[in-house]
Amino acid sequence: MVELMHEDVVFEPVSTELATREPYTGRDGMRQYLADLTRTWAEFRVTIHEYSAVGDGVLARGRVYSRSASPAFIADNEIAFVWRLRDGGIIHGRAYTDQHEAEAELRAASD
């Protein structure tokens, strides 16, 4: 996943009851994000069921399932990601729990 990222990528993940997430910057930031997920969740799966492209952006819709080891917590929710591309890599990404908000951001940025 990190290899798909532009070296200056910024990723804005969703915060949860178990972890408040700030934006992650650069490929090292993405590696840190993945390490943070491993520390927070015993199991973490994202399943994408639909992609849409508009201009330099991609909307990916799906579900995220996460389970913590302790304290016991399970989340199974819809998720959407808006990815912006530059020079063959992902320069910006943001996760949304509201798919309509993600769609609106993709449309607004392409105008």
C-alpha atoms as a PDB file:
ATOM      1  CA  MET A   1       0.000   0.000   0.000  1.00  0.00           C
ATOM      2  CA  VAL A   2       2.774   2.440   0.905  1.00  0.00           C
ATOM      3  CA  GLU A   3       4.380   2.048  -2.519  1.00  0.00           C
ATOM      4  CA  LEU A   4       1.198   3.453  -4.137  1.00  0.00           C
ATOM      5  CA  MET A   5       1.613   6.673  -2.184  1.00  0.00           C
ATOM      6  CA  HIS A   6       3.310   9.827  -3.411  1.00  0.00           C
ATOM      7  CA  GLU A   7       6.267  10.696  -1.182  1.00  0.00           C
ATOM      8  CA  ASP A   8       4.343  13.769   0.091  1.00  0.00           C
ATOM      9  CA  VAL A   9       1.062  11.943   0.753  1.00  0.00           C
ATOM     10  CA  VAL A  10      -1.278  13.109   3.503  1.00  0.00           C
ATOM     11  CA  PHE A  11      -3.826  10.612   4.840  1.00  0.00           C
ATOM     12  CA  GLU A  12      -6.706  11.609   7.129  1.00  0.00           C
ATOM     13  CA  PRO A  13      -8.110   8.485   8.812  1.00  0.00           C
ATOM     14  CA  VAL A  14     -11.279   8.174  10.851  1.00  0.00           C
ATOM     15  CA  SER A  15     -10.957   8.361  14.628  1.00  0.00           C
ATOM     16  CA  THR A  16     -12.765   5.807  16.774  1.00  0.00           C
ATOM     17  CA  GLU A  17     -13.741   5.334  20.398  1.00  0.00           C
ATOM     18  CA  LEU A  18     -10.453   3.488  20.893  1.00  0.00           C
ATOM     19  CA  ALA A  19      -8.096   5.766  18.991  1.00  0.00           C
ATOM     20  CA  THR A  20      -8.043   9.394  17.958  1.00  0.00           C
ATOM     21  CA  ARG A  21      -6.182   9.696  14.684  1.00  0.00           C
ATOM     22  CA  GLU A  22      -4.441  12.772  13.329  1.00  0.00           C
ATOM     23  CA  PRO A  23      -3.362  13.085   9.677  1.00  0.00           C
ATOM     24  CA  TYR A  24      -0.354  11.004   8.644  1.00  0.00           C
ATOM     25  CA  THR A  25       2.199  12.574   6.297  1.00  0.00           C
ATOM     26  CA  GLY A  26       4.601  10.987   3.824  1.00  0.00           C
ATOM     27  CA  ARG A  27       5.360   7.341   3.240  1.00  0.00           C
ATOM     28  CA  ASP A  28       6.826   7.053   6.737  1.00  0.00           C
ATOM     29  CA  GLY A  29       3.558   8.458   8.054  1.00  0.00           C
ATOM     30  CA  MET A  30       1.631   5.763   6.180  1.00  0.00           C
ATOM     31  CA  ARG A  31       3.891   3.110   7.663  1.00  0.00           C
ATOM     32  CA  GLN A  32       3.177   4.600  11.090  1.00  0.00           C
ATOM     33  CA  TYR A  33      -0.575   4.521  10.381  1.00  0.00           C
ATOM     34  CA  LEU A  34      -0.407   0.827   9.506  1.00  0.00           C
ATOM     35  CA  ALA A  35       1.637   0.152  12.666  1.00  0.00           C
ATOM     36  CA  ASP A  36      -0.915   2.120  14.725  1.00  0.00           C
ATOM     37  CA  LEU A  37      -3.728  -0.012  13.281  1.00  0.00           C
ATOM     38  CA  THR A  38      -1.858  -3.147  14.306  1.00  0.00           C
ATOM     39  CA  ARG A  39      -1.446  -1.831  17.859  1.00  0.00           C
ATOM     40  CA  THR A  40      -5.099  -0.785  18.160  1.00  0.00           C
ATOM     41  CA  TRP A  41      -6.899  -3.667  16.464  1.00  0.00           C
ATOM     42  CA  ALA A  42      -6.542  -7.431  16.761  1.00  0.00           C
ATOM     43  CA  GLU A  43      -8.378  -7.645  13.428  1.00  0.00           C
ATOM     44  CA  PHE A  44      -8.888  -4.932  10.806  1.00  0.00           C
ATOM     45  CA  ARG A  45     -10.428  -5.495   7.359  1.00  0.00           C
ATOM     46  CA  VAL A  46     -11.514  -3.103   4.656  1.00  0.00           C
ATOM     47  CA  THR A  47     -13.634  -4.472   1.811  1.00  0.00           C
ATOM     48  CA  ILE A  48     -14.221  -2.165  -1.152  1.00  0.00           C
ATOM     49  CA  HIS A  49     -17.284  -2.894  -3.292  1.00  0.00           C
ATOM     50  CA  GLU A  50     -17.419   0.163  -5.575  1.00  0.00           C
ATOM     51  CA  TYR A  51     -14.989   2.604  -7.183  1.00  0.00           C
ATOM     52  CA  SER A  52     -15.795   5.885  -8.957  1.00  0.00           C
ATOM     53  CA  ALA A  53     -13.320   8.210 -10.666  1.00  0.00           C
ATOM     54  CA  VAL A  54     -13.780  11.954 -11.143  1.00  0.00           C
ATOM     55  CA  GLY A  55     -10.891  14.030 -12.469  1.00  0.00           C
ATOM     56  CA  ASP A  56      -7.804  13.248 -10.397  1.00  0.00           C
ATOM     57  CA  GLY A  57      -9.872  11.670  -7.619  1.00  0.00           C
ATOM     58  CA  VAL A  58     -11.161   8.212  -6.794  1.00  0.00           C
ATOM     59  CA  LEU A  59     -14.020   7.376  -4.455  1.00  0.00           C
ATOM     60  CA  ALA A  60     -13.818   3.901  -2.936  1.00  0.00           C
ATOM     61  CA  ARG A  61     -16.892   2.668  -1.019  1.00  0.00           C
ATOM     62  CA  GLY A  62     -17.091  -0.353   1.176  1.00  0.00           C
ATOM     63  CA  ARG A  63     -17.105  -1.666   4.738  1.00  0.00           C
ATOM     64  CA  VAL A  64     -14.613  -1.692   7.538  1.00  0.00           C
ATOM     65  CA  TYR A  65     -14.605  -4.397  10.195  1.00  0.00           C
ATOM     66  CA  SER A  66     -12.408  -3.982  13.230  1.00  0.00           C
ATOM     67  CA  ARG A  67     -12.099  -5.911  16.471  1.00  0.00           C
ATOM     68  CA  SER A  68      -9.971  -5.008  19.444  1.00  0.00           C
ATOM     69  CA  ALA A  69      -8.490  -7.582  21.785  1.00  0.00           C
ATOM     70  CA  SER A  70      -8.899  -5.637  25.022  1.00  0.00           C
ATOM     71  CA  PRO A  71     -11.142  -3.987  25.845  1.00  0.00           C
ATOM     72  CA  ALA A  72     -13.484  -5.981  23.653  1.00  0.00           C
ATOM     73  CA  PHE A  73     -14.868  -3.713  20.935  1.00  0.00           C
ATOM     74  CA  ILE A  74     -16.198  -4.531  17.475  1.00  0.00           C
ATOM     75  CA  ALA A  75     -17.016  -2.074  14.714  1.00  0.00           C
ATOM     76  CA  ASP A  76     -18.607  -3.052  11.398  1.00  0.00           C
ATOM     77  CA  ASN A  77     -19.499   0.046   9.392  1.00  0.00           C
ATOM     78  CA  GLU A  78     -19.768   1.521   5.947  1.00  0.00           C
ATOM     79  CA  ILE A  79     -16.685   3.484   4.911  1.00  0.00           C
ATOM     80  CA  ALA A  80     -15.658   5.620   1.987  1.00  0.00           C
ATOM     81  CA  PHE A  81     -12.248   6.855   0.935  1.00  0.00           C
ATOM     82  CA  VAL A  82     -11.464   9.766  -1.350  1.00  0.00           C
ATOM     83  CA  TRP A  83      -8.034   9.421  -2.940  1.00  0.00           C
ATOM     84  CA  ARG A  84      -6.353  12.201  -4.963  1.00  0.00           C
ATOM     85  CA  LEU A  85      -3.661  11.292  -7.463  1.00  0.00           C
ATOM     86  CA  ARG A  86      -0.583  13.170  -8.641  1.00  0.00           C
ATOM     87  CA  ASP A  87       2.403  12.014 -10.705  1.00  0.00           C
ATOM     88  CA  GLY A  88       1.247   8.386 -10.635  1.00  0.00           C
ATOM     89  CA  GLY A  89       0.835   8.205  -6.852  1.00  0.00           C
ATOM     90  CA  ILE A  90      -1.723   8.985  -4.161  1.00  0.00           C
ATOM     91  CA  ILE A  91      -1.069  12.492  -2.822  1.00  0.00           C
ATOM     92  CA  HIS A  92      -4.045  12.760  -0.463  1.00  0.00           C
ATOM     93  CA  GLY A  93      -6.513  10.381   1.099  1.00  0.00           C
ATOM     94  CA  ARG A  94      -9.328  10.794   3.541  1.00  0.00           C
ATOM     95  CA  ALA A  95     -11.626   8.231   5.142  1.00  0.00           C
ATOM     96  CA  TYR A  96     -15.301   9.010   5.743  1.00  0.00           C
ATOM     97  CA  THR A  97     -17.989   7.282   7.739  1.00  0.00           C
ATOM     98  CA  ASP A  98     -20.591   9.258   5.757  1.00  0.00           C
ATOM     99  CA  GLN A  99     -20.528   8.192   2.109  1.00  0.00           C
ATOM    100  CA  HIS A 100     -22.554  11.240   1.019  1.00  0.00           C
ATOM    101  CA  GLU A 101     -19.941  13.536   2.538  1.00  0.00           C
ATOM    102  CA  ALA A 102     -17.223  11.663   0.634  1.00  0.00           C
ATOM    103  CA  GLU A 103     -19.162  12.018  -2.637  1.00  0.00           C
ATOM    104  CA  ALA A 104     -19.638  15.754  -2.033  1.00  0.00           C
ATOM    105  CA  GLU A 105     -15.916  16.235  -1.377  1.00  0.00           C
ATOM    106  CA  LEU A 106     -14.989  14.396  -4.558  1.00  0.00           C
ATOM    107  CA  ARG A 107     -17.418  16.474  -6.633  1.00  0.00           C
ATOM    108  CA  ALA A 108     -16.360  19.787  -5.054  1.00  0.00           C
ATOM    109  CA  ALA A 109     -12.671  19.152  -5.609  1.00  0.00           C
ATOM    110  CA  SER A 110     -13.224  18.287  -9.272  1.00  0.00           C
ATOM    111  CA  ASP A 111     -15.125  21.529 -10.014  1.00  0.00           C
END
